[in-house]
Amino acid sequence: MEDIKLYIDYIARFTEAAGIITIVAGMAMALIRFLFIRQGITPRSYRLLRQELGKAILLGLEILVAGDIISTVVTNPTMQQVLILAVIVLIRTFLSISIEVEIEGRFPWQKRTDN
């Protein structure tokens, strides 16, 4: 049973690392596009840069939440660990909604208005 916990712990660490790598890679790709690729074709767009950065952060946050959930399941969860996980998930959910509003200009539950 200890071997399974060890492997699940590795999976949780890998998932957390994947979330961080996703954010960093997304940030790098957005900055490269902003600085080089789009420069000759269209004028630089700060709004497009913010949208691409926001998407990378959102995806990374979702992966990090999954890693936190996996790592909490591995241990014998105490009430304190569950509360810490709940606070982390709430903070990351709030950040996700805030970034979604920044990217889309509306709350996720609002209908899209195509003009």
PDB file of N, CA and C in Angstrom:
ATOM      1  N   MET A   1       0.825  -1.200   0.000  1.00  0.00           N
ATOM      2  CA  MET A   1       0.000   0.000   0.000  1.00  0.00           C
ATOM      3  C   MET A   1       0.866   1.260   0.000  1.00  0.00           C
ATOM      4  N   GLU A   2       2.007   1.179   0.672  1.00  0.00           N
ATOM      5  CA  GLU A   2       2.905   2.329   0.714  1.00  0.00           C
ATOM      6  C   GLU A   2       3.453   2.652  -0.671  1.00  0.00           C
ATOM      7  N   ASP A   3       3.681   1.609  -1.488  1.00  0.00           N
ATOM      8  CA  ASP A   3       4.175   1.839  -2.847  1.00  0.00           C
ATOM      9  C   ASP A   3       3.164   2.619  -3.672  1.00  0.00           C
ATOM     10  N   ILE A   4       1.886   2.291  -3.510  1.00  0.00           N
ATOM     11  CA  ILE A   4       0.835   3.002  -4.253  1.00  0.00           C
ATOM     12  C   ILE A   4       0.798   4.461  -3.840  1.00  0.00           C
ATOM     13  N   LYS A   5       0.897   4.723  -2.538  1.00  0.00           N
ATOM     14  CA  LYS A   5       0.905   6.104  -2.064  1.00  0.00           C
ATOM     15  C   LYS A   5       2.096   6.871  -2.621  1.00  0.00           C
ATOM     16  N   LEU A   6       3.231   6.194  -2.716  1.00  0.00           N
ATOM     17  CA  LEU A   6       4.431   6.822  -3.256  1.00  0.00           C
ATOM     18  C   LEU A   6       4.223   7.193  -4.719  1.00  0.00           C
ATOM     19  N   TYR A   7       3.655   6.270  -5.511  1.00  0.00           N
ATOM     20  CA  TYR A   7       3.408   6.544  -6.923  1.00  0.00           C
ATOM     21  C   TYR A   7       2.369   7.650  -7.107  1.00  0.00           C
ATOM     22  N   ILE A   8       1.344   7.639  -6.292  1.00  0.00           N
ATOM     23  CA  ILE A   8       0.334   8.698  -6.383  1.00  0.00           C
ATOM     24  C   ILE A   8       0.937  10.044  -5.994  1.00  0.00           C
ATOM     25  N   ASP A   9       1.839  10.030  -5.019  1.00  0.00           N
ATOM     26  CA  ASP A   9       2.539  11.259  -4.654  1.00  0.00           C
ATOM     27  C   ASP A   9       3.375  11.768  -5.828  1.00  0.00           C
ATOM     28  N   TYR A  10       4.052  10.855  -6.529  1.00  0.00           N
ATOM     29  CA  TYR A  10       4.804  11.253  -7.726  1.00  0.00           C
ATOM     30  C   TYR A  10       3.882  11.840  -8.788  1.00  0.00           C
ATOM     31  N   ILE A  11       2.723  11.220  -8.955  1.00  0.00           N
ATOM     32  CA  ILE A  11       1.757  11.722  -9.938  1.00  0.00           C
ATOM     33  C   ILE A  11       1.289  13.130  -9.544  1.00  0.00           C
ATOM     34  N   ALA A  12       1.034  13.343  -8.257  1.00  0.00           N
ATOM     35  CA  ALA A  12       0.612  14.665  -7.790  1.00  0.00           C
ATOM     36  C   ALA A  12       1.699  15.698  -8.048  1.00  0.00           C
ATOM     37  N   ARG A  13       2.941  15.352  -7.751  1.00  0.00           N
ATOM     38  CA  ARG A  13       4.060  16.279  -7.985  1.00  0.00           C
ATOM     39  C   ARG A  13       4.221  16.570  -9.476  1.00  0.00           C
ATOM     40  N   PHE A  14       4.085  15.517 -10.293  1.00  0.00           N
ATOM     41  CA  PHE A  14       4.170  15.695 -11.739  1.00  0.00           C
ATOM     42  C   PHE A  14       3.062  16.615 -12.238  1.00  0.00           C
ATOM     43  N   THR A  15       1.859  16.429 -11.715  1.00  0.00           N
ATOM     44  CA  THR A  15       0.725  17.264 -12.126  1.00  0.00           C
ATOM     45  C   THR A  15       0.957  18.717 -11.736  1.00  0.00           C
ATOM     46  N   GLU A  16       1.459  18.942 -10.537  1.00  0.00           N
ATOM     47  CA  GLU A  16       1.757  20.310 -10.110  1.00  0.00           C
ATOM     48  C   GLU A  16       2.843  20.932 -10.981  1.00  0.00           C
ATOM     49  N   ALA A  17       3.869  20.155 -11.309  1.00  0.00           N
ATOM     50  CA  ALA A  17       4.930  20.658 -12.183  1.00  0.00           C
ATOM     51  C   ALA A  17       4.379  20.967 -13.573  1.00  0.00           C
ATOM     52  N   ALA A  18       3.463  20.122 -14.052  1.00  0.00           N
ATOM     53  CA  ALA A  18       2.848  20.362 -15.361  1.00  0.00           C
ATOM     54  C   ALA A  18       2.053  21.659 -15.355  1.00  0.00           C
ATOM     55  N   GLY A  19       1.383  21.961 -14.246  1.00  0.00           N
ATOM     56  CA  GLY A  19       0.651  23.216 -14.145  1.00  0.00           C
ATOM     57  C   GLY A  19       1.578  24.417 -14.210  1.00  0.00           C
ATOM     58  N   ILE A  20       2.695  24.342 -13.518  1.00  0.00           N
ATOM     59  CA  ILE A  20       3.661  25.444 -13.538  1.00  0.00           C
ATOM     60  C   ILE A  20       4.279  25.584 -14.920  1.00  0.00           C
ATOM     61  N   ILE A  21       4.632  24.453 -15.525  1.00  0.00           N
ATOM     62  CA  ILE A  21       5.209  24.495 -16.869  1.00  0.00           C
ATOM     63  C   ILE A  21       4.206  25.066 -17.864  1.00  0.00           C
ATOM     64  N   THR A  22       2.938  24.728 -17.713  1.00  0.00           N
ATOM     65  CA  THR A  22       1.900  25.257 -18.599  1.00  0.00           C
ATOM     66  C   THR A  22       1.831  26.771 -18.512  1.00  0.00           C
ATOM     67  N   ILE A  23       1.863  27.296 -17.300  1.00  0.00           N
ATOM     68  CA  ILE A  23       1.809  28.755 -17.129  1.00  0.00           C
ATOM     69  C   ILE A  23       3.041  29.415 -17.740  1.00  0.00           C
ATOM     70  N   VAL A  24       4.218  28.874 -17.443  1.00  0.00           N
ATOM     71  CA  VAL A  24       5.460  29.475 -17.945  1.00  0.00           C
ATOM     72  C   VAL A  24       5.540  29.375 -19.467  1.00  0.00           C
ATOM     73  N   ALA A  25       5.208  28.209 -20.021  1.00  0.00           N
ATOM     74  CA  ALA A  25       5.257  28.037 -21.476  1.00  0.00           C
ATOM     75  C   ALA A  25       4.224  28.934 -22.168  1.00  0.00           C
ATOM     76  N   GLY A  26       3.036  29.017 -21.608  1.00  0.00           N
ATOM     77  CA  GLY A  26       2.014  29.893 -22.180  1.00  0.00           C
ATOM     78  C   GLY A  26       2.432  31.348 -22.144  1.00  0.00           C
ATOM     79  N   MET A  27       3.053  31.755 -21.036  1.00  0.00           N
ATOM     80  CA  MET A  27       3.537  33.128 -20.923  1.00  0.00           C
ATOM     81  C   MET A  27       4.621  33.393 -21.966  1.00  0.00           C
ATOM     82  N   ALA A  28       5.550  32.458 -22.119  1.00  0.00           N
ATOM     83  CA  ALA A  28       6.626  32.631 -23.094  1.00  0.00           C
ATOM     84  C   ALA A  28       6.076  32.709 -24.518  1.00  0.00           C
ATOM     85  N   MET A  29       5.136  31.817 -24.841  1.00  0.00           N
ATOM     86  CA  MET A  29       4.560  31.826 -26.186  1.00  0.00           C
ATOM     87  C   MET A  29       3.807  33.121 -26.452  1.00  0.00           C
ATOM     88  N   ALA A  30       3.063  33.597 -25.470  1.00  0.00           N
ATOM     89  CA  ALA A  30       2.317  34.848 -25.650  1.00  0.00           C
ATOM     90  C   ALA A  30       3.269  36.017 -25.850  1.00  0.00           C
ATOM     91  N   LEU A  31       4.331  36.066 -25.072  1.00  0.00           N
ATOM     92  CA  LEU A  31       5.294  37.161 -25.215  1.00  0.00           C
ATOM     93  C   LEU A  31       6.038  37.093 -26.543  1.00  0.00           C
ATOM     94  N   ILE A  32       6.405  35.897 -26.968  1.00  0.00           N
ATOM     95  CA  ILE A  32       7.082  35.754 -28.265  1.00  0.00           C
ATOM     96  C   ILE A  32       6.166  36.208 -29.391  1.00  0.00           C
ATOM     97  N   ARG A  33       4.905  35.776 -29.334  1.00  0.00           N
ATOM     98  CA  ARG A  33       3.946  36.220 -30.358  1.00  0.00           C
ATOM     99  C   ARG A  33       3.791  37.727 -30.341  1.00  0.00           C
ATOM    100  N   PHE A  34       3.699  38.290 -29.145  1.00  0.00           N
ATOM    101  CA  PHE A  34       3.510  39.730 -29.027  1.00  0.00           C
ATOM    102  C   PHE A  34       4.717  40.492 -29.569  1.00  0.00           C
ATOM    103  N   LEU A  35       5.910  40.042 -29.239  1.00  0.00           N
ATOM    104  CA  LEU A  35       7.110  40.779 -29.607  1.00  0.00           C
ATOM    105  C   LEU A  35       7.562  40.552 -31.044  1.00  0.00           C
ATOM    106  N   PHE A  36       7.397  39.341 -31.567  1.00  0.00           N
ATOM    107  CA  PHE A  36       8.001  39.037 -32.855  1.00  0.00           C
ATOM    108  C   PHE A  36       7.018  38.704 -33.966  1.00  0.00           C
ATOM    109  N   ILE A  37       6.200  37.716 -33.746  1.00  0.00           N
ATOM    110  CA  ILE A  37       5.389  37.176 -34.839  1.00  0.00           C
ATOM    111  C   ILE A  37       4.366  38.182 -35.345  1.00  0.00           C
ATOM    112  N   ARG A  38       3.647  38.816 -34.470  1.00  0.00           N
ATOM    113  CA  ARG A  38       2.568  39.702 -34.889  1.00  0.00           C
ATOM    114  C   ARG A  38       3.059  41.083 -35.293  1.00  0.00           C
ATOM    115  N   GLN A  39       4.312  41.377 -35.061  1.00  0.00           N
ATOM    116  CA  GLN A  39       4.820  42.712 -35.307  1.00  0.00           C
ATOM    117  C   GLN A  39       4.738  43.098 -36.781  1.00  0.00           C
ATOM    118  N   GLY A  40       5.110  42.201 -37.674  1.00  0.00           N
ATOM    119  CA  GLY A  40       5.116  42.539 -39.086  1.00  0.00           C
ATOM    120  C   GLY A  40       3.756  42.421 -39.740  1.00  0.00           C
ATOM    121  N   ILE A  41       2.871  41.595 -39.209  1.00  0.00           N
ATOM    122  CA  ILE A  41       1.583  41.318 -39.850  1.00  0.00           C
ATOM    123  C   ILE A  41       0.531  42.341 -39.415  1.00  0.00           C
ATOM    124  N   THR A  42       0.348  42.461 -38.144  1.00  0.00           N
ATOM    125  CA  THR A  42      -0.644  43.383 -37.597  1.00  0.00           C
ATOM    126  C   THR A  42       0.013  44.194 -36.487  1.00  0.00           C
ATOM    127  N   PRO A  43      -0.563  45.322 -36.152  1.00  0.00           N
ATOM    128  CA  PRO A  43       0.014  46.093 -35.047  1.00  0.00           C
ATOM    129  C   PRO A  43      -0.060  45.311 -33.740  1.00  0.00           C
ATOM    130  N   ARG A  44       0.870  45.603 -32.864  1.00  0.00           N
ATOM    131  CA  ARG A  44       0.888  44.923 -31.572  1.00  0.00           C
ATOM    132  C   ARG A  44      -0.400  45.214 -30.809  1.00  0.00           C
ATOM    133  N   SER A  45      -0.905  44.180 -30.179  1.00  0.00           N
ATOM    134  CA  SER A  45      -2.155  44.323 -29.451  1.00  0.00           C
ATOM    135  C   SER A  45      -1.942  43.913 -27.998  1.00  0.00           C
ATOM    136  N   TYR A  46      -1.976  44.902 -27.123  1.00  0.00           N
ATOM    137  CA  TYR A  46      -1.833  44.629 -25.703  1.00  0.00           C
ATOM    138  C   TYR A  46      -3.000  43.790 -25.207  1.00  0.00           C
ATOM    139  N   ARG A  47      -4.170  44.033 -25.738  1.00  0.00           N
ATOM    140  CA  ARG A  47      -5.352  43.270 -25.328  1.00  0.00           C
ATOM    141  C   ARG A  47      -5.212  41.789 -25.699  1.00  0.00           C
ATOM    142  N   LEU A  48      -4.692  41.524 -26.887  1.00  0.00           N
ATOM    143  CA  LEU A  48      -4.477  40.139 -27.311  1.00  0.00           C
ATOM    144  C   LEU A  48      -3.434  39.462 -26.431  1.00  0.00           C
ATOM    145  N   LEU A  49      -2.386  40.183 -26.060  1.00  0.00           N
ATOM    146  CA  LEU A  49      -1.372  39.649 -25.154  1.00  0.00           C
ATOM    147  C   LEU A  49      -1.997  39.274 -23.822  1.00  0.00           C
ATOM    148  N   ARG A  50      -2.820  40.154 -23.262  1.00  0.00           N
ATOM    149  CA  ARG A  50      -3.484  39.868 -21.987  1.00  0.00           C
ATOM    150  C   ARG A  50      -4.393  38.654 -22.094  1.00  0.00           C
ATOM    151  N   GLN A  51      -5.094  38.512 -23.210  1.00  0.00           N
ATOM    152  CA  GLN A  51      -5.979  37.365 -23.389  1.00  0.00           C
ATOM    153  C   GLN A  51      -5.187  36.063 -23.448  1.00  0.00           C
ATOM    154  N   GLU A  52      -4.088  36.062 -24.181  1.00  0.00           N
ATOM    155  CA  GLU A  52      -3.285  34.854 -24.297  1.00  0.00           C
ATOM    156  C   GLU A  52      -2.626  34.502 -22.960  1.00  0.00           C
ATOM    157  N   LEU A  53      -2.146  35.508 -22.231  1.00  0.00           N
ATOM    158  CA  LEU A  53      -1.575  35.265 -20.907  1.00  0.00           C
ATOM    159  C   LEU A  53      -2.644  34.724 -19.960  1.00  0.00           C
ATOM    160  N   GLY A  54      -3.831  35.298 -20.016  1.00  0.00           N
ATOM    161  CA  GLY A  54      -4.923  34.848 -19.166  1.00  0.00           C
ATOM    162  C   GLY A  54      -5.309  33.411 -19.433  1.00  0.00           C
ATOM    163  N   LYS A  55      -5.337  33.029 -20.698  1.00  0.00           N
ATOM    164  CA  LYS A  55      -5.670  31.643 -21.042  1.00  0.00           C
ATOM    165  C   LYS A  55      -4.624  30.670 -20.500  1.00  0.00           C
ATOM    166  N   ALA A  56      -3.352  31.044 -20.597  1.00  0.00           N
ATOM    167  CA  ALA A  56      -2.286  30.182 -20.075  1.00  0.00           C
ATOM    168  C   ALA A  56      -2.394  30.045 -18.563  1.00  0.00           C
ATOM    169  N   ILE A  57      -2.669  31.143 -17.890  1.00  0.00           N
ATOM    170  CA  ILE A  57      -2.800  31.107 -16.431  1.00  0.00           C
ATOM    171  C   ILE A  57      -4.007  30.277 -16.027  1.00  0.00           C
ATOM    172  N   LEU A  58      -5.126  30.449 -16.723  1.00  0.00           N
ATOM    173  CA  LEU A  58      -6.328  29.664 -16.412  1.00  0.00           C
ATOM    174  C   LEU A  58      -6.068  28.166 -16.536  1.00  0.00           C
ATOM    175  N   LEU A  59      -5.445  27.765 -17.628  1.00  0.00           N
ATOM    176  CA  LEU A  59      -5.174  26.347 -17.824  1.00  0.00           C
ATOM    177  C   LEU A  59      -4.218  25.824 -16.750  1.00  0.00           C
ATOM    178  N   GLY A  60      -3.184  26.599 -16.452  1.00  0.00           N
ATOM    179  CA  GLY A  60      -2.243  26.197 -15.414  1.00  0.00           C
ATOM    180  C   GLY A  60      -2.895  26.080 -14.049  1.00  0.00           C
ATOM    181  N   LEU A  61      -3.793  27.013 -13.724  1.00  0.00           N
ATOM    182  CA  LEU A  61      -4.495  26.953 -12.442  1.00  0.00           C
ATOM    183  C   LEU A  61      -5.359  25.708 -12.330  1.00  0.00           C
ATOM    184  N   GLU A  62      -6.031  25.350 -13.409  1.00  0.00           N
ATOM    185  CA  GLU A  62      -6.861  24.143 -13.390  1.00  0.00           C
ATOM    186  C   GLU A  62      -6.005  22.903 -13.137  1.00  0.00           C
ATOM    187  N   ILE A  63      -4.845  22.847 -13.765  1.00  0.00           N
ATOM    188  CA  ILE A  63      -3.956  21.698 -13.566  1.00  0.00           C
ATOM    189  C   ILE A  63      -3.420  21.691 -12.139  1.00  0.00           C
ATOM    190  N   LEU A  64      -3.086  22.851 -11.596  1.00  0.00           N
ATOM    191  CA  LEU A  64      -2.590  22.929 -10.220  1.00  0.00           C
ATOM    192  C   LEU A  64      -3.649  22.486  -9.207  1.00  0.00           C
ATOM    193  N   VAL A  65      -4.901  22.835  -9.446  1.00  0.00           N
ATOM    194  CA  VAL A  65      -5.980  22.391  -8.556  1.00  0.00           C
ATOM    195  C   VAL A  65      -6.077  20.867  -8.586  1.00  0.00           C
ATOM    196  N   ALA A  66      -5.958  20.284  -9.771  1.00  0.00           N
ATOM    197  CA  ALA A  66      -5.988  18.825  -9.873  1.00  0.00           C
ATOM    198  C   ALA A  66      -4.842  18.207  -9.082  1.00  0.00           C
ATOM    199  N   GLY A  67      -3.669  18.791  -9.164  1.00  0.00           N
ATOM    200  CA  GLY A  67      -2.529  18.293  -8.399  1.00  0.00           C
ATOM    201  C   GLY A  67      -2.748  18.387  -6.903  1.00  0.00           C
ATOM    202  N   ASP A  68      -3.351  19.487  -6.460  1.00  0.00           N
ATOM    203  CA  ASP A  68      -3.647  19.640  -5.031  1.00  0.00           C
ATOM    204  C   ASP A  68      -4.641  18.592  -4.547  1.00  0.00           C
ATOM    205  N   ILE A  69      -5.646  18.328  -5.361  1.00  0.00           N
ATOM    206  CA  ILE A  69      -6.647  17.327  -4.984  1.00  0.00           C
ATOM    207  C   ILE A  69      -6.003  15.949  -4.904  1.00  0.00           C
ATOM    208  N   ILE A  70      -5.178  15.616  -5.876  1.00  0.00           N
ATOM    209  CA  ILE A  70      -4.504  14.312  -5.865  1.00  0.00           C
ATOM    210  C   ILE A  70      -3.612  14.186  -4.638  1.00  0.00           C
ATOM    211  N   SER A  71      -2.850  15.224  -4.327  1.00  0.00           N
ATOM    212  CA  SER A  71      -1.939  15.131  -3.183  1.00  0.00           C
ATOM    213  C   SER A  71      -2.685  15.049  -1.857  1.00  0.00           C
ATOM    214  N   THR A  72      -3.869  15.640  -1.772  1.00  0.00           N
ATOM    215  CA  THR A  72      -4.661  15.535  -0.546  1.00  0.00           C
ATOM    216  C   THR A  72      -5.228  14.130  -0.382  1.00  0.00           C
ATOM    217  N   VAL A  73      -5.580  13.506  -1.487  1.00  0.00           N
ATOM    218  CA  VAL A  73      -6.135  12.154  -1.428  1.00  0.00           C
ATOM    219  C   VAL A  73      -5.070  11.147  -0.989  1.00  0.00           C
ATOM    220  N   VAL A  74      -3.823  11.394  -1.346  1.00  0.00           N
ATOM    221  CA  VAL A  74      -2.734  10.469  -1.023  1.00  0.00           C
ATOM    222  C   VAL A  74      -2.558  10.326   0.480  1.00  0.00           C
ATOM    223  N   THR A  75      -2.582  11.429   1.178  1.00  0.00           N
ATOM    224  CA  THR A  75      -2.371  11.393   2.619  1.00  0.00           C
ATOM    225  C   THR A  75      -3.667  11.005   3.316  1.00  0.00           C
ATOM    226  N   ASN A  76      -3.572  10.720   4.584  1.00  0.00           N
ATOM    227  CA  ASN A  76      -4.787  10.529   5.368  1.00  0.00           C
ATOM    228  C   ASN A  76      -5.294  11.922   5.699  1.00  0.00           C
ATOM    229  N   PRO A  77      -6.298  12.380   4.958  1.00  0.00           N
ATOM    230  CA  PRO A  77      -6.695  13.777   5.113  1.00  0.00           C
ATOM    231  C   PRO A  77      -7.274  14.070   6.500  1.00  0.00           C
ATOM    232  N   THR A  78      -6.693  15.076   7.118  1.00  0.00           N
ATOM    233  CA  THR A  78      -7.235  15.570   8.377  1.00  0.00           C
ATOM    234  C   THR A  78      -8.149  16.742   8.046  1.00  0.00           C
ATOM    235  N   MET A  79      -8.898  17.173   9.023  1.00  0.00           N
ATOM    236  CA  MET A  79      -9.794  18.308   8.794  1.00  0.00           C
ATOM    237  C   MET A  79      -8.990  19.543   8.411  1.00  0.00           C
ATOM    238  N   GLN A  80      -7.814  19.706   9.004  1.00  0.00           N
ATOM    239  CA  GLN A  80      -6.985  20.867   8.680  1.00  0.00           C
ATOM    240  C   GLN A  80      -6.514  20.811   7.225  1.00  0.00           C
ATOM    241  N   GLN A  81      -6.105  19.642   6.743  1.00  0.00           N
ATOM    242  CA  GLN A  81      -5.674  19.509   5.355  1.00  0.00           C
ATOM    243  C   GLN A  81      -6.824  19.754   4.385  1.00  0.00           C
ATOM    244  N   VAL A  82      -8.002  19.269   4.727  1.00  0.00           N
ATOM    245  CA  VAL A  82      -9.170  19.478   3.868  1.00  0.00           C
ATOM    246  C   VAL A  82      -9.537  20.955   3.828  1.00  0.00           C
ATOM    247  N   LEU A  83      -9.462  21.636   4.970  1.00  0.00           N
ATOM    248  CA  LEU A  83      -9.752  23.068   4.995  1.00  0.00           C
ATOM    249  C   LEU A  83      -8.724  23.862   4.199  1.00  0.00           C
ATOM    250  N   ILE A  84      -7.464  23.468   4.308  1.00  0.00           N
ATOM    251  CA  ILE A  84      -6.423  24.141   3.517  1.00  0.00           C
ATOM    252  C   ILE A  84      -6.682  23.939   2.034  1.00  0.00           C
ATOM    253  N   LEU A  85      -7.030  22.712   1.636  1.00  0.00           N
ATOM    254  CA  LEU A  85      -7.361  22.437   0.239  1.00  0.00           C
ATOM    255  C   LEU A  85      -8.557  23.272  -0.202  1.00  0.00           C
ATOM    256  N   ALA A  86      -9.576  23.370   0.654  1.00  0.00           N
ATOM    257  CA  ALA A  86     -10.769  24.158   0.315  1.00  0.00           C
ATOM    258  C   ALA A  86     -10.406  25.622   0.100  1.00  0.00           C
ATOM    259  N   VAL A  87      -9.549  26.172   0.939  1.00  0.00           N
ATOM    260  CA  VAL A  87      -9.142  27.576   0.788  1.00  0.00           C
ATOM    261  C   VAL A  87      -8.346  27.760  -0.502  1.00  0.00           C
ATOM    262  N   ILE A  88      -7.440  26.818  -0.781  1.00  0.00           N
ATOM    263  CA  ILE A  88      -6.662  26.899  -2.019  1.00  0.00           C
ATOM    264  C   ILE A  88      -7.572  26.846  -3.239  1.00  0.00           C
ATOM    265  N   VAL A  89      -8.521  25.918  -3.229  1.00  0.00           N
ATOM    266  CA  VAL A  89      -9.447  25.798  -4.361  1.00  0.00           C
ATOM    267  C   VAL A  89     -10.307  27.054  -4.493  1.00  0.00           C
ATOM    268  N   LEU A  90     -10.764  27.612  -3.378  1.00  0.00           N
ATOM    269  CA  LEU A  90     -11.553  28.850  -3.438  1.00  0.00           C
ATOM    270  C   LEU A  90     -10.748  30.006  -4.016  1.00  0.00           C
ATOM    271  N   ILE A  91      -9.516  30.145  -3.564  1.00  0.00           N
ATOM    272  CA  ILE A  91      -8.671  31.228  -4.076  1.00  0.00           C
ATOM    273  C   ILE A  91      -8.420  31.047  -5.567  1.00  0.00           C
ATOM    274  N   ARG A  92      -8.101  29.835  -5.970  1.00  0.00           N
ATOM    275  CA  ARG A  92      -7.826  29.591  -7.388  1.00  0.00           C
ATOM    276  C   ARG A  92      -9.085  29.722  -8.235  1.00  0.00           C
ATOM    277  N   THR A  93     -10.234  29.350  -7.677  1.00  0.00           N
ATOM    278  CA  THR A  93     -11.494  29.533  -8.400  1.00  0.00           C
ATOM    279  C   THR A  93     -11.790  31.018  -8.580  1.00  0.00           C
ATOM    280  N   PHE A  94     -11.571  31.799  -7.531  1.00  0.00           N
ATOM    281  CA  PHE A  94     -11.768  33.247  -7.629  1.00  0.00           C
ATOM    282  C   PHE A  94     -10.836  33.848  -8.683  1.00  0.00           C
ATOM    283  N   LEU A  95      -9.572  33.417  -8.673  1.00  0.00           N
ATOM    284  CA  LEU A  95      -8.626  33.893  -9.682  1.00  0.00           C
ATOM    285  C   LEU A  95      -9.076  33.491 -11.084  1.00  0.00           C
ATOM    286  N   SER A  96      -9.556  32.263 -11.233  1.00  0.00           N
ATOM    287  CA  SER A  96     -10.014  31.792 -12.542  1.00  0.00           C
ATOM    288  C   SER A  96     -11.180  32.617 -13.055  1.00  0.00           C
ATOM    289  N   ILE A  97     -12.131  32.892 -12.177  1.00  0.00           N
ATOM    290  CA  ILE A  97     -13.289  33.699 -12.591  1.00  0.00           C
ATOM    291  C   ILE A  97     -12.849  35.110 -12.939  1.00  0.00           C
ATOM    292  N   SER A  98     -11.951  35.676 -12.141  1.00  0.00           N
ATOM    293  CA  SER A  98     -11.451  37.032 -12.419  1.00  0.00           C
ATOM    294  C   SER A  98     -10.748  37.090 -13.766  1.00  0.00           C
ATOM    295  N   ILE A  99      -9.926  36.096 -14.043  1.00  0.00           N
ATOM    296  CA  ILE A  99      -9.210  36.077 -15.321  1.00  0.00           C
ATOM    297  C   ILE A  99     -10.179  35.853 -16.471  1.00  0.00           C
ATOM    298  N   GLU A 100     -11.158  34.998 -16.271  1.00  0.00           N
ATOM    299  CA  GLU A 100     -12.183  34.761 -17.307  1.00  0.00           C
ATOM    300  C   GLU A 100     -12.921  36.053 -17.641  1.00  0.00           C
ATOM    301  N   VAL A 101     -13.247  36.831 -16.628  1.00  0.00           N
ATOM    302  CA  VAL A 101     -13.918  38.116 -16.859  1.00  0.00           C
ATOM    303  C   VAL A 101     -13.002  39.045 -17.640  1.00  0.00           C
ATOM    304  N   GLU A 102     -11.710  39.034 -17.315  1.00  0.00           N
ATOM    305  CA  GLU A 102     -10.749  39.862 -18.047  1.00  0.00           C
ATOM    306  C   GLU A 102     -10.654  39.456 -19.512  1.00  0.00           C
ATOM    307  N   ILE A 103     -10.624  38.152 -19.759  1.00  0.00           N
ATOM    308  CA  ILE A 103     -10.458  37.664 -21.126  1.00  0.00           C
ATOM    309  C   ILE A 103     -11.728  37.882 -21.949  1.00  0.00           C
ATOM    310  N   GLU A 104     -12.850  37.436 -21.423  1.00  0.00           N
ATOM    311  CA  GLU A 104     -14.097  37.435 -22.180  1.00  0.00           C
ATOM    312  C   GLU A 104     -14.909  38.723 -22.027  1.00  0.00           C
ATOM    313  N   GLY A 105     -14.672  39.452 -20.958  1.00  0.00           N
ATOM    314  CA  GLY A 105     -15.447  40.665 -20.723  1.00  0.00           C
ATOM    315  C   GLY A 105     -16.825  40.385 -20.139  1.00  0.00           C
ATOM    316  N   ARG A 106     -17.022  39.182 -19.634  1.00  0.00           N
ATOM    317  CA  ARG A 106     -18.300  38.797 -19.037  1.00  0.00           C
ATOM    318  C   ARG A 106     -18.048  37.638 -18.080  1.00  0.00           C
ATOM    319  N   PHE A 107     -19.012  37.390 -17.202  1.00  0.00           N
ATOM    320  CA  PHE A 107     -18.904  36.259 -16.295  1.00  0.00           C
ATOM    321  C   PHE A 107     -19.150  34.960 -17.060  1.00  0.00           C
ATOM    322  N   PRO A 108     -18.553  33.855 -16.624  1.00  0.00           N
ATOM    323  CA  PRO A 108     -18.706  32.590 -17.360  1.00  0.00           C
ATOM    324  C   PRO A 108     -20.157  32.138 -17.498  1.00  0.00           C
ATOM    325  N   TRP A 109     -21.019  32.487 -16.567  1.00  0.00           N
ATOM    326  CA  TRP A 109     -22.409  32.028 -16.612  1.00  0.00           C
ATOM    327  C   TRP A 109     -23.311  32.960 -17.420  1.00  0.00           C
ATOM    328  N   GLN A 110     -22.768  34.080 -17.906  1.00  0.00           N
ATOM    329  CA  GLN A 110     -23.573  34.982 -18.723  1.00  0.00           C
ATOM    330  C   GLN A 110     -23.570  34.510 -20.169  1.00  0.00           C
ATOM    331  N   LYS A 111     -24.695  34.771 -20.855  1.00  0.00           N
ATOM    332  CA  LYS A 111     -24.791  34.397 -22.250  1.00  0.00           C
ATOM    333  C   LYS A 111     -23.888  35.288 -23.079  1.00  0.00           C
ATOM    334  N   ARG A 112     -23.414  34.702 -24.163  1.00  0.00           N
ATOM    335  CA  ARG A 112     -22.572  35.439 -25.081  1.00  0.00           C
ATOM    336  C   ARG A 112     -23.424  36.350 -25.947  1.00  0.00           C
ATOM    337  N   THR A 113     -22.962  37.547 -26.149  1.00  0.00           N
ATOM    338  CA  THR A 113     -23.664  38.483 -27.038  1.00  0.00           C
ATOM    339  C   THR A 113     -22.786  38.694 -28.248  1.00  0.00           C
ATOM    340  N   ASP A 114     -23.114  38.013 -29.348  1.00  0.00           N
ATOM    341  CA  ASP A 114     -22.349  38.178 -30.593  1.00  0.00           C
ATOM    342  C   ASP A 114     -22.911  39.340 -31.372  1.00  0.00           C
ATOM    343  N   ASN A 115     -22.042  40.305 -31.640  1.00  0.00           N
ATOM    344  CA  ASN A 115     -22.473  41.509 -32.385  1.00  0.00           C
ATOM    345  C   ASN A 115     -22.047  41.424 -33.809  1.00  0.00           C
TER     346      ASN A 115
END
